[in-house]
């Protein structure tokens, strides 16, 4: 019963992290801006680090179930 919210949170974190990594990769390949008003290298690095952090957090939550 208590693992239900943990599975949901883990799946949400993992999906968001994977989606952020894919979106950042597509923006970097096509030359589209990752974030408005921020330099491209800073925005790309920040988005990649956040995507990895979300993916790792989701994996950790799913592994502890």
PDB file of N, CA and C in Angstrom:
ATOM      1  N   UNK A   1       0.818  -1.195   0.000  1.00  0.00           N
ATOM      2  CA  UNK A   1       0.000   0.000   0.000  1.00  0.00           C
ATOM      3  C   UNK A   1       0.863   1.262   0.000  1.00  0.00           C
ATOM      4  N   UNK A   2       1.937   1.275   0.774  1.00  0.00           N
ATOM      5  CA  UNK A   2       2.771   2.465   0.847  1.00  0.00           C
ATOM      6  C   UNK A   2       3.706   2.603  -0.340  1.00  0.00           C
ATOM      7  N   UNK A   3       3.891   1.541  -1.112  1.00  0.00           N
ATOM      8  CA  UNK A   3       4.806   1.627  -2.245  1.00  0.00           C
ATOM      9  C   UNK A   3       4.142   2.233  -3.483  1.00  0.00           C
ATOM     10  N   UNK A   4       2.848   2.373  -3.479  1.00  0.00           N
ATOM     11  CA  UNK A   4       2.143   2.952  -4.626  1.00  0.00           C
ATOM     12  C   UNK A   4       2.590   4.364  -4.959  1.00  0.00           C
ATOM     13  N   UNK A   5       2.606   5.271  -3.972  1.00  0.00           N
ATOM     14  CA  UNK A   5       3.074   6.624  -4.265  1.00  0.00           C
ATOM     15  C   UNK A   5       4.559   6.662  -4.651  1.00  0.00           C
ATOM     16  N   UNK A   6       5.346   5.764  -4.089  1.00  0.00           N
ATOM     17  CA  UNK A   6       6.767   5.732  -4.429  1.00  0.00           C
ATOM     18  C   UNK A   6       6.980   5.291  -5.871  1.00  0.00           C
ATOM     19  N   UNK A   7       6.204   4.329  -6.322  1.00  0.00           N
ATOM     20  CA  UNK A   7       6.297   3.884  -7.715  1.00  0.00           C
ATOM     21  C   UNK A   7       5.845   5.001  -8.651  1.00  0.00           C
ATOM     22  N   UNK A   8       4.765   5.687  -8.286  1.00  0.00           N
ATOM     23  CA  UNK A   8       4.282   6.790  -9.113  1.00  0.00           C
ATOM     24  C   UNK A   8       5.315   7.904  -9.198  1.00  0.00           C
ATOM     25  N   UNK A   9       5.885   8.284  -8.053  1.00  0.00           N
ATOM     26  CA  UNK A   9       6.890   9.354  -8.038  1.00  0.00           C
ATOM     27  C   UNK A   9       8.134   8.935  -8.816  1.00  0.00           C
ATOM     28  N   UNK A  10       8.572   7.690  -8.654  1.00  0.00           N
ATOM     29  CA  UNK A  10       9.739   7.213  -9.389  1.00  0.00           C
ATOM     30  C   UNK A  10       9.512   7.223 -10.884  1.00  0.00           C
ATOM     31  N   UNK A  11       8.335   6.780 -11.300  1.00  0.00           N
ATOM     32  CA  UNK A  11       8.022   6.777 -12.734  1.00  0.00           C
ATOM     33  C   UNK A  11       7.929   8.204 -13.276  1.00  0.00           C
ATOM     34  N   UNK A  12       7.336   9.110 -12.502  1.00  0.00           N
ATOM     35  CA  UNK A  12       7.219  10.501 -12.946  1.00  0.00           C
ATOM     36  C   UNK A  12       8.597  11.149 -13.078  1.00  0.00           C
ATOM     37  N   UNK A  13       9.459  10.945 -12.078  1.00  0.00           N
ATOM     38  CA  UNK A  13      10.805  11.508 -12.142  1.00  0.00           C
ATOM     39  C   UNK A  13      11.585  10.930 -13.319  1.00  0.00           C
ATOM     40  N   UNK A  14      11.504   9.619 -13.493  1.00  0.00           N
ATOM     41  CA  UNK A  14      12.263   8.976 -14.572  1.00  0.00           C
ATOM     42  C   UNK A  14      11.764   9.425 -15.945  1.00  0.00           C
ATOM     43  N   UNK A  15      10.467   9.506 -16.132  1.00  0.00           N
ATOM     44  CA  UNK A  15       9.920   9.952 -17.417  1.00  0.00           C
ATOM     45  C   UNK A  15      10.264  11.408 -17.700  1.00  0.00           C
ATOM     46  N   UNK A  16      10.180  12.256 -16.681  1.00  0.00           N
ATOM     47  CA  UNK A  16      10.515  13.658 -16.882  1.00  0.00           C
ATOM     48  C   UNK A  16      12.004  13.809 -17.204  1.00  0.00           C
ATOM     49  N   UNK A  17      12.864  13.081 -16.488  1.00  0.00           N
ATOM     50  CA  UNK A  17      14.297  13.156 -16.753  1.00  0.00           C
ATOM     51  C   UNK A  17      14.644  12.676 -18.148  1.00  0.00           C
ATOM     52  N   UNK A  18      14.049  11.569 -18.561  1.00  0.00           N
ATOM     53  CA  UNK A  18      14.314  11.047 -19.904  1.00  0.00           C
ATOM     54  C   UNK A  18      13.787  12.006 -20.967  1.00  0.00           C
ATOM     55  N   UNK A  19      12.606  12.555 -20.745  1.00  0.00           N
ATOM     56  CA  UNK A  19      12.051  13.513 -21.691  1.00  0.00           C
ATOM     57  C   UNK A  19      12.895  14.780 -21.797  1.00  0.00           C
ATOM     58  N   UNK A  20      13.409  15.248 -20.673  1.00  0.00           N
ATOM     59  CA  UNK A  20      14.257  16.434 -20.680  1.00  0.00           C
ATOM     60  C   UNK A  20      15.559  16.179 -21.421  1.00  0.00           C
ATOM     61  N   UNK A  21      16.130  14.990 -21.241  1.00  0.00           N
ATOM     62  CA  UNK A  21      17.360  14.652 -21.954  1.00  0.00           C
ATOM     63  C   UNK A  21      17.117  14.550 -23.460  1.00  0.00           C
ATOM     64  N   UNK A  22      16.021  13.935 -23.851  1.00  0.00           N
ATOM     65  CA  UNK A  22      15.699  13.815 -25.278  1.00  0.00           C
ATOM     66  C   UNK A  22      15.449  15.191 -25.877  1.00  0.00           C
ATOM     67  N   UNK A  23      14.671  16.029 -25.186  1.00  0.00           N
ATOM     68  CA  UNK A  23      14.357  17.361 -25.679  1.00  0.00           C
ATOM     69  C   UNK A  23      15.620  18.211 -25.807  1.00  0.00           C
ATOM     70  N   UNK A  24      16.505  18.123 -24.820  1.00  0.00           N
ATOM     71  CA  UNK A  24      17.748  18.882 -24.874  1.00  0.00           C
ATOM     72  C   UNK A  24      18.624  18.402 -26.028  1.00  0.00           C
ATOM     73  N   UNK A  25      18.673  17.098 -26.241  1.00  0.00           N
ATOM     74  CA  UNK A  25      19.452  16.560 -27.357  1.00  0.00           C
ATOM     75  C   UNK A  25      18.923  17.011 -28.701  1.00  0.00           C
ATOM     76  N   UNK A  26      17.612  17.028 -28.859  1.00  0.00           N
ATOM     77  CA  UNK A  26      17.013  17.475 -30.116  1.00  0.00           C
ATOM     78  C   UNK A  26      17.291  18.956 -30.338  1.00  0.00           C
ATOM     79  N   UNK A  27      17.154  19.752 -29.288  1.00  0.00           N
ATOM     80  CA  UNK A  27      17.442  21.193 -29.420  1.00  0.00           C
ATOM     81  C   UNK A  27      18.906  21.426 -29.759  1.00  0.00           C
ATOM     82  N   UNK A  28      19.798  20.673 -29.150  1.00  0.00           N
ATOM     83  CA  UNK A  28      21.230  20.858 -29.416  1.00  0.00           C
ATOM     84  C   UNK A  28      21.582  20.451 -30.843  1.00  0.00           C
ATOM     85  N   UNK A  29      20.968  19.389 -31.334  1.00  0.00           N
ATOM     86  CA  UNK A  29      21.267  18.934 -32.703  1.00  0.00           C
ATOM     87  C   UNK A  29      20.719  19.866 -33.764  1.00  0.00           C
ATOM     88  N   UNK A  30      19.532  20.405 -33.536  1.00  0.00           N
ATOM     89  CA  UNK A  30      18.905  21.260 -34.540  1.00  0.00           C
ATOM     90  C   UNK A  30      19.328  22.718 -34.431  1.00  0.00           C
ATOM     91  N   UNK A  31      19.986  23.067 -33.350  1.00  0.00           N
ATOM     92  CA  UNK A  31      20.406  24.453 -33.163  1.00  0.00           C
ATOM     93  C   UNK A  31      19.335  25.342 -32.575  1.00  0.00           C
ATOM     94  N   UNK A  32      18.244  24.754 -32.153  1.00  0.00           N
ATOM     95  CA  UNK A  32      17.173  25.526 -31.531  1.00  0.00           C
ATOM     96  C   UNK A  32      17.608  25.949 -30.128  1.00  0.00           C
ATOM     97  N   UNK A  33      17.115  27.073 -29.636  1.00  0.00           N
ATOM     98  CA  UNK A  33      17.497  27.485 -28.285  1.00  0.00           C
ATOM     99  C   UNK A  33      16.897  26.551 -27.237  1.00  0.00           C
ATOM    100  N   UNK A  34      17.692  26.217 -26.253  1.00  0.00           N
ATOM    101  CA  UNK A  34      17.212  25.356 -25.171  1.00  0.00           C
ATOM    102  C   UNK A  34      16.388  26.182 -24.191  1.00  0.00           C
ATOM    103  N   UNK A  35      16.812  27.400 -23.926  1.00  0.00           N
ATOM    104  CA  UNK A  35      16.068  28.317 -23.056  1.00  0.00           C
ATOM    105  C   UNK A  35      16.204  29.727 -23.618  1.00  0.00           C
ATOM    106  N   UNK A  36      15.159  30.500 -23.506  1.00  0.00           N
ATOM    107  CA  UNK A  36      15.169  31.863 -24.018  1.00  0.00           C
ATOM    108  C   UNK A  36      15.939  32.771 -23.062  1.00  0.00           C
ATOM    109  N   UNK A  37      16.787  33.623 -23.612  1.00  0.00           N
ATOM    110  CA  UNK A  37      17.487  34.613 -22.824  1.00  0.00           C
ATOM    111  C   UNK A  37      18.716  34.114 -22.090  1.00  0.00           C
ATOM    112  N   UNK A  38      19.131  32.886 -22.347  1.00  0.00           N
ATOM    113  CA  UNK A  38      20.295  32.311 -21.682  1.00  0.00           C
ATOM    114  C   UNK A  38      21.256  31.857 -22.769  1.00  0.00           C
ATOM    115  N   UNK A  39      22.553  31.945 -22.497  1.00  0.00           N
ATOM    116  CA  UNK A  39      23.508  31.482 -23.501  1.00  0.00           C
ATOM    117  C   UNK A  39      23.329  29.987 -23.742  1.00  0.00           C
ATOM    118  N   UNK A  40      23.562  29.579 -24.958  1.00  0.00           N
ATOM    119  CA  UNK A  40      23.300  28.198 -25.363  1.00  0.00           C
ATOM    120  C   UNK A  40      24.090  27.171 -24.557  1.00  0.00           C
ATOM    121  N   UNK A  41      25.414  27.349 -24.322  1.00  0.00           N
ATOM    122  CA  UNK A  41      26.145  26.343 -23.549  1.00  0.00           C
ATOM    123  C   UNK A  41      25.665  26.215 -22.102  1.00  0.00           C
ATOM    124  N   UNK A  42      25.346  27.341 -21.480  1.00  0.00           N
ATOM    125  CA  UNK A  42      24.870  27.305 -20.090  1.00  0.00           C
ATOM    126  C   UNK A  42      23.515  26.611 -20.015  1.00  0.00           C
ATOM    127  N   UNK A  43      22.619  26.936 -20.922  1.00  0.00           N
ATOM    128  CA  UNK A  43      21.286  26.326 -20.921  1.00  0.00           C
ATOM    129  C   UNK A  43      21.367  24.829 -21.202  1.00  0.00           C
ATOM    130  N   UNK A  44      22.215  24.436 -22.138  1.00  0.00           N
ATOM    131  CA  UNK A  44      22.344  23.020 -22.466  1.00  0.00           C
ATOM    132  C   UNK A  44      22.928  22.239 -21.297  1.00  0.00           C
ATOM    133  N   UNK A  45      23.973  22.771 -20.691  1.00  0.00           N
ATOM    134  CA  UNK A  45      24.593  22.086 -19.558  1.00  0.00           C
ATOM    135  C   UNK A  45      23.634  21.974 -18.381  1.00  0.00           C
ATOM    136  N   UNK A  46      22.913  23.037 -18.082  1.00  0.00           N
ATOM    137  CA  UNK A  46      21.958  23.013 -16.975  1.00  0.00           C
ATOM    138  C   UNK A  46      20.837  22.014 -17.236  1.00  0.00           C
ATOM    139  N   UNK A  47      20.312  21.993 -18.443  1.00  0.00           N
ATOM    140  CA  UNK A  47      19.241  21.054 -18.775  1.00  0.00           C
ATOM    141  C   UNK A  47      19.736  19.613 -18.724  1.00  0.00           C
ATOM    142  N   UNK A  48      20.964  19.371 -19.193  1.00  0.00           N
ATOM    143  CA  UNK A  48      21.520  18.014 -19.129  1.00  0.00           C
ATOM    144  C   UNK A  48      21.722  17.559 -17.686  1.00  0.00           C
ATOM    145  N   UNK A  49      22.265  18.433 -16.856  1.00  0.00           N
ATOM    146  CA  UNK A  49      22.480  18.072 -15.452  1.00  0.00           C
ATOM    147  C   UNK A  49      21.161  17.812 -14.730  1.00  0.00           C
ATOM    148  N   UNK A  50      20.165  18.637 -14.987  1.00  0.00           N
ATOM    149  CA  UNK A  50      18.853  18.427 -14.364  1.00  0.00           C
ATOM    150  C   UNK A  50      18.191  17.148 -14.871  1.00  0.00           C
ATOM    151  N   UNK A  51      18.316  16.873 -16.163  1.00  0.00           N
ATOM    152  CA  UNK A  51      17.752  15.640 -16.712  1.00  0.00           C
ATOM    153  C   UNK A  51      18.379  14.406 -16.101  1.00  0.00           C
ATOM    154  N   UNK A  52      19.692  14.423 -15.951  1.00  0.00           N
ATOM    155  CA  UNK A  52      20.382  13.287 -15.328  1.00  0.00           C
ATOM    156  C   UNK A  52      19.977  13.159 -13.865  1.00  0.00           C
ATOM    157  N   UNK A  53      19.874  14.286 -13.160  1.00  0.00           N
ATOM    158  CA  UNK A  53      19.472  14.242 -11.751  1.00  0.00           C
ATOM    159  C   UNK A  53      18.069  13.661 -11.584  1.00  0.00           C
ATOM    160  N   UNK A  54      17.144  14.078 -12.444  1.00  0.00           N
ATOM    161  CA  UNK A  54      15.780  13.539 -12.375  1.00  0.00           C
ATOM    162  C   UNK A  54      15.762  12.046 -12.717  1.00  0.00           C
ATOM    163  N   UNK A  55      16.528  11.655 -13.713  1.00  0.00           N
ATOM    164  CA  UNK A  55      16.560  10.248 -14.111  1.00  0.00           C
ATOM    165  C   UNK A  55      17.157   9.379 -13.005  1.00  0.00           C
ATOM    166  N   UNK A  56      18.218   9.842 -12.386  1.00  0.00           N
ATOM    167  CA  UNK A  56      18.844   9.091 -11.292  1.00  0.00           C
ATOM    168  C   UNK A  56      17.908   9.011 -10.091  1.00  0.00           C
ATOM    169  N   UNK A  57      17.229  10.118  -9.767  1.00  0.00           N
ATOM    170  CA  UNK A  57      16.287  10.109  -8.662  1.00  0.00           C
ATOM    171  C   UNK A  57      15.135   9.144  -8.922  1.00  0.00           C
ATOM    172  N   UNK A  58      14.613   9.146 -10.136  1.00  0.00           N
ATOM    173  CA  UNK A  58      13.546   8.201 -10.478  1.00  0.00           C
ATOM    174  C   UNK A  58      14.003   6.771 -10.409  1.00  0.00           C
ATOM    175  N   UNK A  59      15.194   6.493 -10.890  1.00  0.00           N
ATOM    176  CA  UNK A  59      15.743   5.131 -10.793  1.00  0.00           C
ATOM    177  C   UNK A  59      15.948   4.701  -9.354  1.00  0.00           C
ATOM    178  N   UNK A  60      16.420   5.631  -8.521  1.00  0.00           N
ATOM    179  CA  UNK A  60      16.630   5.307  -7.112  1.00  0.00           C
ATOM    180  C   UNK A  60      15.299   5.009  -6.421  1.00  0.00           C
ATOM    181  N   UNK A  61      14.266   5.830  -6.718  1.00  0.00           N
ATOM    182  CA  UNK A  61      12.957   5.585  -6.115  1.00  0.00           C
ATOM    183  C   UNK A  61      12.377   4.247  -6.565  1.00  0.00           C
ATOM    184  N   UNK A  62      12.551   3.916  -7.833  1.00  0.00           N
ATOM    185  CA  UNK A  62      12.016   2.639  -8.313  1.00  0.00           C
ATOM    186  C   UNK A  62      12.815   1.454  -7.792  1.00  0.00           C
ATOM    187  N   UNK A  63      14.100   1.657  -7.523  1.00  0.00           N
ATOM    188  CA  UNK A  63      14.934   0.563  -7.017  1.00  0.00           C
ATOM    189  C   UNK A  63      14.655   0.269  -5.545  1.00  0.00           C
ATOM    190  N   UNK A  64      14.142   1.236  -4.808  1.00  0.00           N
ATOM    191  CA  UNK A  64      13.903   1.028  -3.378  1.00  0.00           C
ATOM    192  C   UNK A  64      12.527   0.447  -3.081  1.00  0.00           C
ATOM    193  N   UNK A  65      11.742   0.172  -4.094  1.00  0.00           N
ATOM    194  CA  UNK A  65      10.389  -0.364  -3.878  1.00  0.00           C
ATOM    195  C   UNK A  65      10.467  -1.752  -3.340  1.00  0.00           C
TER     196      UNK A  65
END
